[in-house]
Amino acid sequence: MGNTVQKAFSSDPYPETFGVPQFDAHYGFSGKREERPKIKATKEDMIAVKIEKRFRDYCVDQYIELLRCHQKKYPYVRRCATEQYDYYKCEYDDQVLRMKEYERERRLLIREKEKMESQKMEVIA
């Protein structure tokens, strides 16, 4: 249920889940925001390693390291716990960051809607 039901019953605006952000990334921040590190793996690298499309996300570098460790230490793949932890931590941090950005977009859309409504009320009065 969650977000779909909330969108159906709420009059608040919601950002597109997979859309491009509508607001500037630095809007609301006094200084510069820290940029995320770039992905080192290229598309050709991912194809060469035969990574499935569902794993081609922000954490693909850690996933490649995990696969290399599994290949190197097979059949003792339990010894790749550090690489596995790094990959899972990256996935978790990425999910948290995306949720925060979604919530930030939603709140800015609500703020913009309230501002437009208040301007309409001033024109009417």
N, C-alpha and C. Protein backbone atom coordinates (compact mmCIF):
# COMPACT_ATOMS: atom_id res chain seq x y z
N MET A 1 0.86 -1.18 0.00
CA MET A 1 0.00 0.00 0.00
C MET A 1 0.89 1.22 0.00
N GLY A 2 1.11 1.82 1.13
CA GLY A 2 2.05 2.90 1.27
C GLY A 2 1.81 4.10 0.40
N ASN A 3 2.77 4.39 -0.45
CA ASN A 3 2.80 5.62 -1.22
C ASN A 3 1.64 5.73 -2.21
N THR A 4 1.23 4.64 -2.83
CA THR A 4 0.16 4.68 -3.81
C THR A 4 -1.16 5.07 -3.17
N VAL A 5 -1.47 4.49 -2.01
CA VAL A 5 -2.70 4.82 -1.31
C VAL A 5 -2.64 6.26 -0.80
N GLN A 6 -1.49 6.67 -0.31
CA GLN A 6 -1.32 8.04 0.19
C GLN A 6 -1.56 9.05 -0.93
N LYS A 7 -1.06 8.76 -2.12
CA LYS A 7 -1.26 9.65 -3.27
C LYS A 7 -2.74 9.74 -3.64
N ALA A 8 -3.46 8.62 -3.49
CA ALA A 8 -4.86 8.58 -3.89
C ALA A 8 -5.74 9.42 -2.96
N PHE A 9 -5.43 9.46 -1.67
CA PHE A 9 -6.29 10.13 -0.70
C PHE A 9 -5.79 11.51 -0.29
N SER A 10 -4.58 11.87 -0.62
CA SER A 10 -4.01 13.14 -0.18
C SER A 10 -4.08 14.17 -1.29
N SER A 11 -4.22 15.42 -0.89
CA SER A 11 -4.20 16.50 -1.88
C SER A 11 -2.80 17.08 -2.03
N ASP A 12 -1.86 16.58 -1.24
CA ASP A 12 -0.49 17.07 -1.33
C ASP A 12 0.16 16.57 -2.62
N PRO A 13 1.03 17.40 -3.20
CA PRO A 13 1.74 16.94 -4.40
C PRO A 13 2.85 15.95 -4.03
N TYR A 14 3.10 15.02 -4.91
CA TYR A 14 4.16 14.04 -4.70
C TYR A 14 5.08 14.03 -5.91
N PRO A 15 6.39 13.94 -5.68
CA PRO A 15 7.31 13.90 -6.82
C PRO A 15 7.24 12.55 -7.53
N GLU A 16 7.70 12.55 -8.78
CA GLU A 16 7.76 11.31 -9.52
C GLU A 16 8.85 10.43 -8.91
N THR A 17 8.55 9.16 -8.71
CA THR A 17 9.49 8.26 -8.06
C THR A 17 10.76 8.09 -8.87
N PHE A 18 10.62 7.93 -10.17
CA PHE A 18 11.78 7.71 -11.02
C PHE A 18 12.06 8.91 -11.92
N GLY A 19 11.46 10.04 -11.61
CA GLY A 19 11.62 11.23 -12.43
C GLY A 19 12.85 12.04 -12.08
N VAL A 20 13.07 13.08 -12.86
CA VAL A 20 14.17 14.00 -12.63
C VAL A 20 13.74 14.98 -11.54
N PRO A 21 14.63 15.32 -10.60
CA PRO A 21 14.27 16.27 -9.55
C PRO A 21 13.85 17.62 -10.12
N GLN A 22 12.82 18.22 -9.55
CA GLN A 22 12.31 19.49 -10.04
C GLN A 22 13.07 20.68 -9.45
N PHE A 23 13.70 20.49 -8.32
CA PHE A 23 14.38 21.59 -7.64
C PHE A 23 15.89 21.43 -7.73
N ASP A 24 16.57 22.55 -7.64
CA ASP A 24 18.03 22.53 -7.65
C ASP A 24 18.54 21.76 -6.44
N ALA A 25 19.61 21.02 -6.64
CA ALA A 25 20.17 20.20 -5.56
C ALA A 25 20.69 21.05 -4.40
N HIS A 26 21.04 22.30 -4.66
CA HIS A 26 21.59 23.17 -3.61
C HIS A 26 20.52 24.08 -3.00
N TYR A 27 19.28 23.98 -3.46
CA TYR A 27 18.21 24.83 -2.95
C TYR A 27 17.94 24.51 -1.48
N GLY A 28 18.01 25.52 -0.64
CA GLY A 28 17.76 25.34 0.78
C GLY A 28 19.00 25.08 1.61
N PHE A 29 20.16 24.99 0.98
CA PHE A 29 21.41 24.76 1.69
C PHE A 29 22.24 26.04 1.66
N SER A 30 22.86 26.35 2.79
CA SER A 30 23.65 27.58 2.86
C SER A 30 24.99 27.44 2.13
N GLY A 31 25.60 26.30 2.21
CA GLY A 31 26.89 26.08 1.56
C GLY A 31 26.76 25.08 0.43
N LYS A 32 27.88 24.58 -0.01
CA LYS A 32 27.88 23.58 -1.08
C LYS A 32 27.55 22.21 -0.48
N ARG A 33 26.77 21.45 -1.22
CA ARG A 33 26.48 20.07 -0.81
C ARG A 33 27.61 19.17 -1.29
N GLU A 34 27.89 18.17 -0.49
CA GLU A 34 28.93 17.22 -0.84
C GLU A 34 28.42 16.33 -1.98
N GLU A 35 29.20 16.24 -3.04
CA GLU A 35 28.81 15.41 -4.17
C GLU A 35 29.17 13.95 -3.92
N ARG A 36 28.36 13.08 -4.47
CA ARG A 36 28.64 11.65 -4.34
C ARG A 36 29.79 11.28 -5.26
N PRO A 37 30.61 10.35 -4.85
CA PRO A 37 31.68 9.88 -5.74
C PRO A 37 31.10 9.25 -6.99
N LYS A 38 31.81 9.40 -8.09
CA LYS A 38 31.35 8.85 -9.37
C LYS A 38 31.60 7.34 -9.40
N ILE A 39 30.82 6.66 -10.22
CA ILE A 39 30.99 5.22 -10.41
C ILE A 39 32.20 5.00 -11.31
N LYS A 40 33.09 4.11 -10.88
CA LYS A 40 34.31 3.85 -11.63
C LYS A 40 34.09 2.89 -12.79
N ALA A 41 33.18 1.95 -12.62
CA ALA A 41 32.94 0.92 -13.64
C ALA A 41 32.20 1.52 -14.82
N THR A 42 32.68 1.23 -16.01
CA THR A 42 32.01 1.69 -17.22
C THR A 42 31.01 0.62 -17.67
N LYS A 43 30.20 0.98 -18.65
CA LYS A 43 29.22 0.04 -19.16
C LYS A 43 29.91 -1.18 -19.77
N GLU A 44 31.03 -0.95 -20.43
CA GLU A 44 31.78 -2.05 -21.03
C GLU A 44 32.32 -3.01 -19.96
N ASP A 45 32.78 -2.44 -18.84
CA ASP A 45 33.25 -3.27 -17.72
C ASP A 45 32.13 -4.15 -17.18
N MET A 46 30.95 -3.56 -17.05
CA MET A 46 29.81 -4.32 -16.52
C MET A 46 29.41 -5.44 -17.47
N ILE A 47 29.46 -5.17 -18.77
CA ILE A 47 29.14 -6.21 -19.75
C ILE A 47 30.20 -7.30 -19.73
N ALA A 48 31.47 -6.90 -19.61
CA ALA A 48 32.56 -7.87 -19.60
C ALA A 48 32.48 -8.80 -18.39
N VAL A 49 32.08 -8.26 -17.24
CA VAL A 49 31.97 -9.07 -16.03
C VAL A 49 30.64 -9.83 -16.00
N LYS A 50 29.75 -9.53 -16.93
CA LYS A 50 28.43 -10.16 -17.05
C LYS A 50 27.56 -9.90 -15.83
N ILE A 51 27.48 -8.64 -15.48
CA ILE A 51 26.64 -8.24 -14.34
C ILE A 51 25.21 -8.07 -14.83
N GLU A 52 24.28 -8.65 -14.11
CA GLU A 52 22.87 -8.51 -14.45
C GLU A 52 22.44 -7.06 -14.32
N LYS A 53 21.43 -6.68 -15.09
CA LYS A 53 20.98 -5.28 -15.10
C LYS A 53 20.47 -4.83 -13.74
N ARG A 54 19.91 -5.73 -12.97
CA ARG A 54 19.37 -5.33 -11.66
C ARG A 54 20.48 -4.94 -10.67
N PHE A 55 21.72 -5.33 -10.93
CA PHE A 55 22.84 -4.96 -10.06
C PHE A 55 23.63 -3.77 -10.59
N ARG A 56 23.24 -3.24 -11.73
CA ARG A 56 23.96 -2.10 -12.33
C ARG A 56 23.43 -0.80 -11.75
N ASP A 57 23.73 -0.56 -10.51
CA ASP A 57 23.29 0.66 -9.85
C ASP A 57 24.50 1.39 -9.29
N TYR A 58 24.27 2.25 -8.33
CA TYR A 58 25.35 3.07 -7.77
C TYR A 58 26.44 2.22 -7.11
N CYS A 59 26.10 1.05 -6.60
CA CYS A 59 27.04 0.21 -5.84
C CYS A 59 27.69 -0.87 -6.70
N VAL A 60 27.73 -0.67 -7.99
CA VAL A 60 28.27 -1.70 -8.88
C VAL A 60 29.76 -1.94 -8.62
N ASP A 61 30.50 -0.93 -8.20
CA ASP A 61 31.93 -1.11 -7.92
C ASP A 61 32.15 -2.10 -6.77
N GLN A 62 31.37 -1.95 -5.70
CA GLN A 62 31.48 -2.87 -4.58
C GLN A 62 31.02 -4.27 -4.97
N TYR A 63 30.02 -4.33 -5.84
CA TYR A 63 29.53 -5.64 -6.29
C TYR A 63 30.59 -6.36 -7.12
N ILE A 64 31.30 -5.63 -7.96
CA ILE A 64 32.37 -6.23 -8.75
C ILE A 64 33.47 -6.76 -7.83
N GLU A 65 33.82 -5.99 -6.81
CA GLU A 65 34.83 -6.45 -5.85
C GLU A 65 34.37 -7.72 -5.13
N LEU A 66 33.10 -7.78 -4.79
CA LEU A 66 32.56 -8.97 -4.14
C LEU A 66 32.65 -10.18 -5.07
N LEU A 67 32.31 -10.00 -6.33
CA LEU A 67 32.39 -11.10 -7.29
C LEU A 67 33.84 -11.56 -7.48
N ARG A 68 34.77 -10.61 -7.54
CA ARG A 68 36.19 -10.96 -7.67
C ARG A 68 36.67 -11.76 -6.46
N CYS A 69 36.23 -11.35 -5.28
CA CYS A 69 36.62 -12.06 -4.07
C CYS A 69 36.05 -13.47 -4.08
N HIS A 70 34.79 -13.61 -4.49
CA HIS A 70 34.18 -14.94 -4.56
C HIS A 70 34.95 -15.83 -5.53
N GLN A 71 35.37 -15.24 -6.65
CA GLN A 71 36.09 -16.01 -7.65
C GLN A 71 37.47 -16.42 -7.13
N LYS A 72 38.10 -15.50 -6.41
CA LYS A 72 39.45 -15.76 -5.91
C LYS A 72 39.46 -16.78 -4.77
N LYS A 73 38.47 -16.71 -3.88
CA LYS A 73 38.49 -17.54 -2.67
C LYS A 73 37.52 -18.71 -2.72
N TYR A 74 37.01 -19.01 -3.90
CA TYR A 74 36.09 -20.14 -4.03
C TYR A 74 36.79 -21.43 -3.62
N PRO A 75 36.22 -22.31 -2.91
CA PRO A 75 34.87 -22.44 -2.39
C PRO A 75 34.67 -21.80 -1.01
N TYR A 76 35.66 -21.08 -0.54
CA TYR A 76 35.57 -20.47 0.79
C TYR A 76 35.06 -19.03 0.68
N VAL A 77 33.87 -18.87 0.11
CA VAL A 77 33.33 -17.53 -0.13
C VAL A 77 32.96 -16.82 1.17
N ARG A 78 32.91 -17.52 2.27
CA ARG A 78 32.63 -16.88 3.56
C ARG A 78 33.76 -15.93 3.96
N ARG A 79 34.90 -16.10 3.35
CA ARG A 79 36.04 -15.23 3.66
C ARG A 79 35.91 -13.86 3.00
N CYS A 80 34.87 -13.66 2.23
CA CYS A 80 34.62 -12.37 1.57
C CYS A 80 33.64 -11.52 2.38
N ALA A 81 33.63 -11.71 3.67
CA ALA A 81 32.66 -11.01 4.51
C ALA A 81 32.86 -9.49 4.46
N THR A 82 34.09 -9.04 4.37
CA THR A 82 34.36 -7.59 4.32
C THR A 82 33.78 -6.99 3.06
N GLU A 83 34.02 -7.64 1.91
CA GLU A 83 33.50 -7.14 0.65
C GLU A 83 31.97 -7.18 0.63
N GLN A 84 31.41 -8.24 1.22
CA GLN A 84 29.96 -8.34 1.27
C GLN A 84 29.37 -7.25 2.15
N TYR A 85 30.02 -7.00 3.28
CA TYR A 85 29.56 -5.93 4.17
C TYR A 85 29.64 -4.59 3.46
N ASP A 86 30.73 -4.32 2.73
CA ASP A 86 30.86 -3.06 2.00
C ASP A 86 29.75 -2.89 0.97
N TYR A 87 29.44 -3.98 0.27
CA TYR A 87 28.38 -3.92 -0.75
C TYR A 87 27.02 -3.65 -0.10
N TYR A 88 26.68 -4.38 0.96
CA TYR A 88 25.39 -4.19 1.62
C TYR A 88 25.29 -2.80 2.25
N LYS A 89 26.39 -2.30 2.80
CA LYS A 89 26.38 -0.96 3.39
C LYS A 89 26.16 0.09 2.31
N CYS A 90 26.80 -0.09 1.17
CA CYS A 90 26.61 0.84 0.05
C CYS A 90 25.15 0.83 -0.40
N GLU A 91 24.56 -0.35 -0.53
CA GLU A 91 23.16 -0.45 -0.94
C GLU A 91 22.24 0.24 0.08
N TYR A 92 22.52 0.03 1.35
CA TYR A 92 21.71 0.65 2.40
C TYR A 92 21.84 2.17 2.37
N ASP A 93 23.07 2.66 2.31
CA ASP A 93 23.31 4.11 2.27
C ASP A 93 22.66 4.74 1.05
N ASP A 94 22.72 4.06 -0.10
CA ASP A 94 22.11 4.57 -1.32
C ASP A 94 20.60 4.65 -1.16
N GLN A 95 20.00 3.63 -0.57
CA GLN A 95 18.55 3.63 -0.34
C GLN A 95 18.14 4.76 0.60
N VAL A 96 18.89 4.95 1.67
CA VAL A 96 18.58 6.02 2.63
C VAL A 96 18.69 7.38 1.95
N LEU A 97 19.73 7.59 1.17
CA LEU A 97 19.92 8.87 0.47
C LEU A 97 18.79 9.12 -0.52
N ARG A 98 18.38 8.10 -1.26
CA ARG A 98 17.28 8.28 -2.21
C ARG A 98 15.97 8.59 -1.49
N MET A 99 15.73 7.97 -0.32
CA MET A 99 14.53 8.27 0.45
C MET A 99 14.56 9.70 0.97
N LYS A 100 15.72 10.15 1.41
CA LYS A 100 15.85 11.53 1.91
C LYS A 100 15.62 12.53 0.78
N GLU A 101 16.16 12.25 -0.39
CA GLU A 101 15.98 13.15 -1.53
C GLU A 101 14.52 13.18 -1.96
N TYR A 102 13.84 12.04 -1.94
CA TYR A 102 12.43 11.99 -2.28
C TYR A 102 11.63 12.83 -1.30
N GLU A 103 11.91 12.66 -0.01
CA GLU A 103 11.18 13.42 1.02
C GLU A 103 11.45 14.91 0.89
N ARG A 104 12.69 15.28 0.57
CA ARG A 104 13.04 16.69 0.37
C ARG A 104 12.24 17.27 -0.79
N GLU A 105 12.17 16.54 -1.90
CA GLU A 105 11.40 16.98 -3.06
C GLU A 105 9.92 17.14 -2.69
N ARG A 106 9.39 16.18 -1.95
CA ARG A 106 7.98 16.23 -1.56
C ARG A 106 7.69 17.45 -0.70
N ARG A 107 8.57 17.70 0.26
CA ARG A 107 8.36 18.86 1.13
C ARG A 107 8.49 20.18 0.38
N LEU A 108 9.42 20.25 -0.57
CA LEU A 108 9.55 21.46 -1.38
C LEU A 108 8.34 21.66 -2.28
N LEU A 109 7.77 20.59 -2.80
CA LEU A 109 6.55 20.71 -3.59
C LEU A 109 5.38 21.20 -2.74
N ILE A 110 5.27 20.69 -1.52
CA ILE A 110 4.21 21.14 -0.62
C ILE A 110 4.40 22.61 -0.28
N ARG A 111 5.64 23.01 -0.01
CA ARG A 111 5.93 24.41 0.29
C ARG A 111 5.57 25.31 -0.89
N GLU A 112 5.89 24.86 -2.10
CA GLU A 112 5.58 25.64 -3.29
C GLU A 112 4.06 25.75 -3.48
N LYS A 113 3.34 24.66 -3.22
CA LYS A 113 1.88 24.66 -3.35
C LYS A 113 1.27 25.64 -2.35
N GLU A 114 1.75 25.62 -1.10
CA GLU A 114 1.22 26.52 -0.07
C GLU A 114 1.52 27.97 -0.42
N LYS A 115 2.68 28.21 -1.00
CA LYS A 115 3.05 29.57 -1.39
C LYS A 115 2.13 30.07 -2.50
N MET A 116 1.81 29.22 -3.46
CA MET A 116 0.91 29.60 -4.55
C MET A 116 -0.50 29.88 -4.02
N GLU A 117 -0.96 29.05 -3.07
CA GLU A 117 -2.27 29.25 -2.48
C GLU A 117 -2.36 30.56 -1.70
N SER A 118 -1.29 30.88 -0.97
CA SER A 118 -1.28 32.12 -0.20
C SER A 118 -1.26 33.34 -1.14
N GLN A 119 -0.59 33.22 -2.27
CA GLN A 119 -0.58 34.32 -3.24
C GLN A 119 -1.96 34.50 -3.86
N LYS A 120 -2.67 33.40 -4.10
CA LYS A 120 -4.03 33.49 -4.64
C LYS A 120 -4.96 34.16 -3.63
N MET A 121 -4.76 33.85 -2.35
CA MET A 121 -5.61 34.44 -1.31
C MET A 121 -5.35 35.94 -1.19
N GLU A 122 -4.09 36.37 -1.37
CA GLU A 122 -3.76 37.79 -1.32
C GLU A 122 -4.38 38.53 -2.49
N VAL A 123 -4.43 37.91 -3.66
CA VAL A 123 -5.02 38.54 -4.84
C VAL A 123 -6.53 38.69 -4.67
N ILE A 124 -7.15 37.68 -4.10
CA ILE A 124 -8.60 37.71 -3.88
C ILE A 124 -8.96 38.76 -2.85
N ALA A 125 -8.17 38.89 -1.80
CA ALA A 125 -8.50 39.82 -0.70
C ALA A 125 -8.27 41.25 -1.04
